[in-house]
Each structure stands twice: as C-alpha cells, then as structure tokens.
C-alpha cells in the first residue's frame, strides 16, 4: 500500500500555485514552519512552473549575495508570473507562465 504518493497528491491539490508563491520567499529563506515547508516541497515536486519560479528566486538571491545585478529577464519573468497569478481565474491554479 502506497500512502505517501496519495498524501503528496492531496497536499498538492490543497496547496495551489497562488498559496505557494505567497510563501515561497519565506520558505527559501527558511522562515516557514515545518508543515508549510512540507506543503511547499510537495507542491514544487509536482509543479514544473512553480519549481521554475523557485529556481529564479534562488538565482536572484545568489546574484544579490554576490552583489551582482540579477538577470533582467529572470526578474521580468518572475514579475510576469506573479501578475498572472493575480489575474488567473479561480480554480485554474494560476498555471500561466509568461514566456514559458
């Protein structure tokens, strides 16, 4: 009996893209509680779009840590993704990625 995949699928359905994006920066900074972190990880494991956005956040953070200017395209893509979530229809998961 495989309980873990069922649990992960349930968490992914409950934790949508908009919820993950709202807490993504805090998660990447290690500032979320354990339950939230598990939900974010489960969502990122199954959502290519949000995983890409997490990678962009990481790259921007690395650039800032090196005191370099972040890649302008990455910043614009991230901004577009956030905007698409604000304007997505309820229930569609906000899975529209500009330029993706």
C-alpha atoms as a PDB file:
ATOM      1  CA  UNK A   1       0.000   0.000   0.000  1.00  0.00           C
ATOM      2  CA  UNK A   2       1.477   3.341  -1.089  1.00  0.00           C
ATOM      3  CA  UNK A   3       0.295   6.028   1.324  1.00  0.00           C
ATOM      4  CA  UNK A   4       2.984   8.635   0.605  1.00  0.00           C
ATOM      5  CA  UNK A   5       2.040   9.398  -3.051  1.00  0.00           C
ATOM      6  CA  UNK A   6      -1.634   9.747  -2.102  1.00  0.00           C
ATOM      7  CA  UNK A   7      -0.725  12.119   0.729  1.00  0.00           C
ATOM      8  CA  UNK A   8       1.532  14.123  -1.573  1.00  0.00           C
ATOM      9  CA  UNK A   9      -1.176  14.382  -4.245  1.00  0.00           C
ATOM     10  CA  UNK A  10      -3.660  15.594  -1.624  1.00  0.00           C
ATOM     11  CA  UNK A  11      -1.226  18.217  -0.342  1.00  0.00           C
ATOM     12  CA  UNK A  12      -0.516  19.402  -3.883  1.00  0.00           C
ATOM     13  CA  UNK A  13      -4.222  19.833  -4.584  1.00  0.00           C
ATOM     14  CA  UNK A  14      -4.735  21.718  -1.333  1.00  0.00           C
ATOM     15  CA  UNK A  15      -1.668  23.876  -1.799  1.00  0.00           C
ATOM     16  CA  UNK A  16      -2.094  25.686  -5.099  1.00  0.00           C
ATOM     17  CA  UNK A  17       0.272  27.896  -7.020  1.00  0.00           C
ATOM     18  CA  UNK A  18      -1.031  31.138  -5.516  1.00  0.00           C
ATOM     19  CA  UNK A  19      -0.533  29.861  -1.959  1.00  0.00           C
ATOM     20  CA  UNK A  20       2.967  28.637  -2.738  1.00  0.00           C
ATOM     21  CA  UNK A  21       4.020  31.881  -4.389  1.00  0.00           C
ATOM     22  CA  UNK A  22       2.797  33.827  -1.342  1.00  0.00           C
ATOM     23  CA  UNK A  23       5.142  31.880   0.966  1.00  0.00           C
ATOM     24  CA  UNK A  24       7.897  30.922  -1.471  1.00  0.00           C
ATOM     25  CA  UNK A  25      10.397  33.580  -0.433  1.00  0.00           C
ATOM     26  CA  UNK A  26       9.884  32.831   3.258  1.00  0.00           C
ATOM     27  CA  UNK A  27      10.293  29.112   2.515  1.00  0.00           C
ATOM     28  CA  UNK A  28      13.531  29.674   0.587  1.00  0.00           C
ATOM     29  CA  UNK A  29      14.816  31.807   3.470  1.00  0.00           C
ATOM     30  CA  UNK A  30      13.992  29.020   5.959  1.00  0.00           C
ATOM     31  CA  UNK A  31      11.339  31.121   7.674  1.00  0.00           C
ATOM     32  CA  UNK A  32       8.314  28.812   7.371  1.00  0.00           C
ATOM     33  CA  UNK A  33       7.046  26.284   9.865  1.00  0.00           C
ATOM     34  CA  UNK A  34       7.553  22.578   9.178  1.00  0.00           C
ATOM     35  CA  UNK A  35       4.011  21.948   7.896  1.00  0.00           C
ATOM     36  CA  UNK A  36       4.190  24.840   5.439  1.00  0.00           C
ATOM     37  CA  UNK A  37       7.650  23.761   4.293  1.00  0.00           C
ATOM     38  CA  UNK A  38       6.399  20.210   3.603  1.00  0.00           C
ATOM     39  CA  UNK A  39       3.457  21.560   1.615  1.00  0.00           C
ATOM     40  CA  UNK A  40       5.696  23.832  -0.432  1.00  0.00           C
ATOM     41  CA  UNK A  41       8.153  20.997  -1.139  1.00  0.00           C
ATOM     42  CA  UNK A  42       5.305  18.682  -2.185  1.00  0.00           C
ATOM     43  CA  UNK A  43       3.903  21.347  -4.494  1.00  0.00           C
ATOM     44  CA  UNK A  44       7.291  22.199  -6.008  1.00  0.00           C
ATOM     45  CA  UNK A  45       7.954  18.488  -6.617  1.00  0.00           C
ATOM     46  CA  UNK A  46       4.816  18.243  -8.737  1.00  0.00           C
ATOM     47  CA  UNK A  47       4.529  21.697 -10.304  1.00  0.00           C
ATOM     48  CA  UNK A  48       7.063  22.458 -13.005  1.00  0.00           C
ATOM     49  CA  UNK A  49       6.000  26.115 -13.245  1.00  0.00           C
ATOM     50  CA  UNK A  50       6.403  26.894  -9.544  1.00  0.00           C
ATOM     51  CA  UNK A  51       9.635  24.909  -9.476  1.00  0.00           C
ATOM     52  CA  UNK A  52      10.991  27.147 -12.209  1.00  0.00           C
ATOM     53  CA  UNK A  53       9.959  30.221 -10.246  1.00  0.00           C
ATOM     54  CA  UNK A  54      11.692  28.869  -7.140  1.00  0.00           C
ATOM     55  CA  UNK A  55      14.831  28.424  -9.249  1.00  0.00           C
ATOM     56  CA  UNK A  56      14.521  32.035 -10.410  1.00  0.00           C
ATOM     57  CA  UNK A  57      14.209  33.248  -6.813  1.00  0.00           C
ATOM     58  CA  UNK A  58      17.306  31.236  -5.910  1.00  0.00           C
ATOM     59  CA  UNK A  59      19.263  32.685  -8.836  1.00  0.00           C
ATOM     60  CA  UNK A  60      18.248  36.244  -7.965  1.00  0.00           C
ATOM     61  CA  UNK A  61      19.181  35.652  -4.336  1.00  0.00           C
ATOM     62  CA  UNK A  62      22.597  34.259  -5.371  1.00  0.00           C
ATOM     63  CA  UNK A  63      23.189  37.273  -7.614  1.00  0.00           C
ATOM     64  CA  UNK A  64      22.325  39.638  -4.807  1.00  0.00           C
ATOM     65  CA  UNK A  65      24.593  37.741  -2.409  1.00  0.00           C
ATOM     66  CA  UNK A  66      27.438  38.165  -4.928  1.00  0.00           C
ATOM     67  CA  UNK A  67      26.416  41.840  -5.144  1.00  0.00           C
ATOM     68  CA  UNK A  68      25.759  41.423  -8.830  1.00  0.00           C
ATOM     69  CA  UNK A  69      22.802  42.737 -10.720  1.00  0.00           C
ATOM     70  CA  UNK A  70      20.179  39.950 -11.190  1.00  0.00           C
ATOM     71  CA  UNK A  71      19.376  38.826 -14.709  1.00  0.00           C
ATOM     72  CA  UNK A  72      16.788  41.294 -16.017  1.00  0.00           C
ATOM     73  CA  UNK A  73      14.922  38.575 -17.919  1.00  0.00           C
ATOM     74  CA  UNK A  74      14.641  36.472 -14.762  1.00  0.00           C
ATOM     75  CA  UNK A  75      13.244  39.407 -12.798  1.00  0.00           C
ATOM     76  CA  UNK A  76      10.733  40.243 -15.546  1.00  0.00           C
ATOM     77  CA  UNK A  77       9.674  36.607 -15.829  1.00  0.00           C
ATOM     78  CA  UNK A  78       9.150  36.428 -12.088  1.00  0.00           C
ATOM     79  CA  UNK A  79       7.142  39.646 -12.125  1.00  0.00           C
ATOM     80  CA  UNK A  80       5.015  38.316 -15.002  1.00  0.00           C
ATOM     81  CA  UNK A  81       4.370  35.068 -13.150  1.00  0.00           C
ATOM     82  CA  UNK A  82       3.173  36.977 -10.085  1.00  0.00           C
ATOM     83  CA  UNK A  83       0.920  39.133 -12.244  1.00  0.00           C
ATOM     84  CA  UNK A  84      -0.545  36.067 -13.949  1.00  0.00           C
ATOM     85  CA  UNK A  85      -1.453  34.632 -10.550  1.00  0.00           C
ATOM     86  CA  UNK A  86      -3.226  37.845  -9.611  1.00  0.00           C
ATOM     87  CA  UNK A  87      -5.278  37.734 -12.812  1.00  0.00           C
ATOM     88  CA  UNK A  88      -5.906  33.995 -13.095  1.00  0.00           C
ATOM     89  CA  UNK A  89      -9.410  32.612 -12.868  1.00  0.00           C
ATOM     90  CA  UNK A  90     -10.300  30.835  -9.617  1.00  0.00           C
ATOM     91  CA  UNK A  91      -9.684  27.116  -9.900  1.00  0.00           C
ATOM     92  CA  UNK A  92      -7.238  27.230 -12.817  1.00  0.00           C
ATOM     93  CA  UNK A  93      -4.271  27.005 -10.434  1.00  0.00           C
ATOM     94  CA  UNK A  94      -2.646  30.104 -11.922  1.00  0.00           C
ATOM     95  CA  UNK A  95      -0.593  27.892 -14.192  1.00  0.00           C
ATOM     96  CA  UNK A  96       0.064  30.501 -16.837  1.00  0.00           C
ATOM     97  CA  UNK A  97       3.723  31.327 -17.283  1.00  0.00           C
ATOM     98  CA  UNK A  98       4.548  34.303 -19.457  1.00  0.00           C
ATOM     99  CA  UNK A  99       7.367  33.466 -21.822  1.00  0.00           C
ATOM    100  CA  UNK A 100       7.474  29.859 -20.517  1.00  0.00           C
END
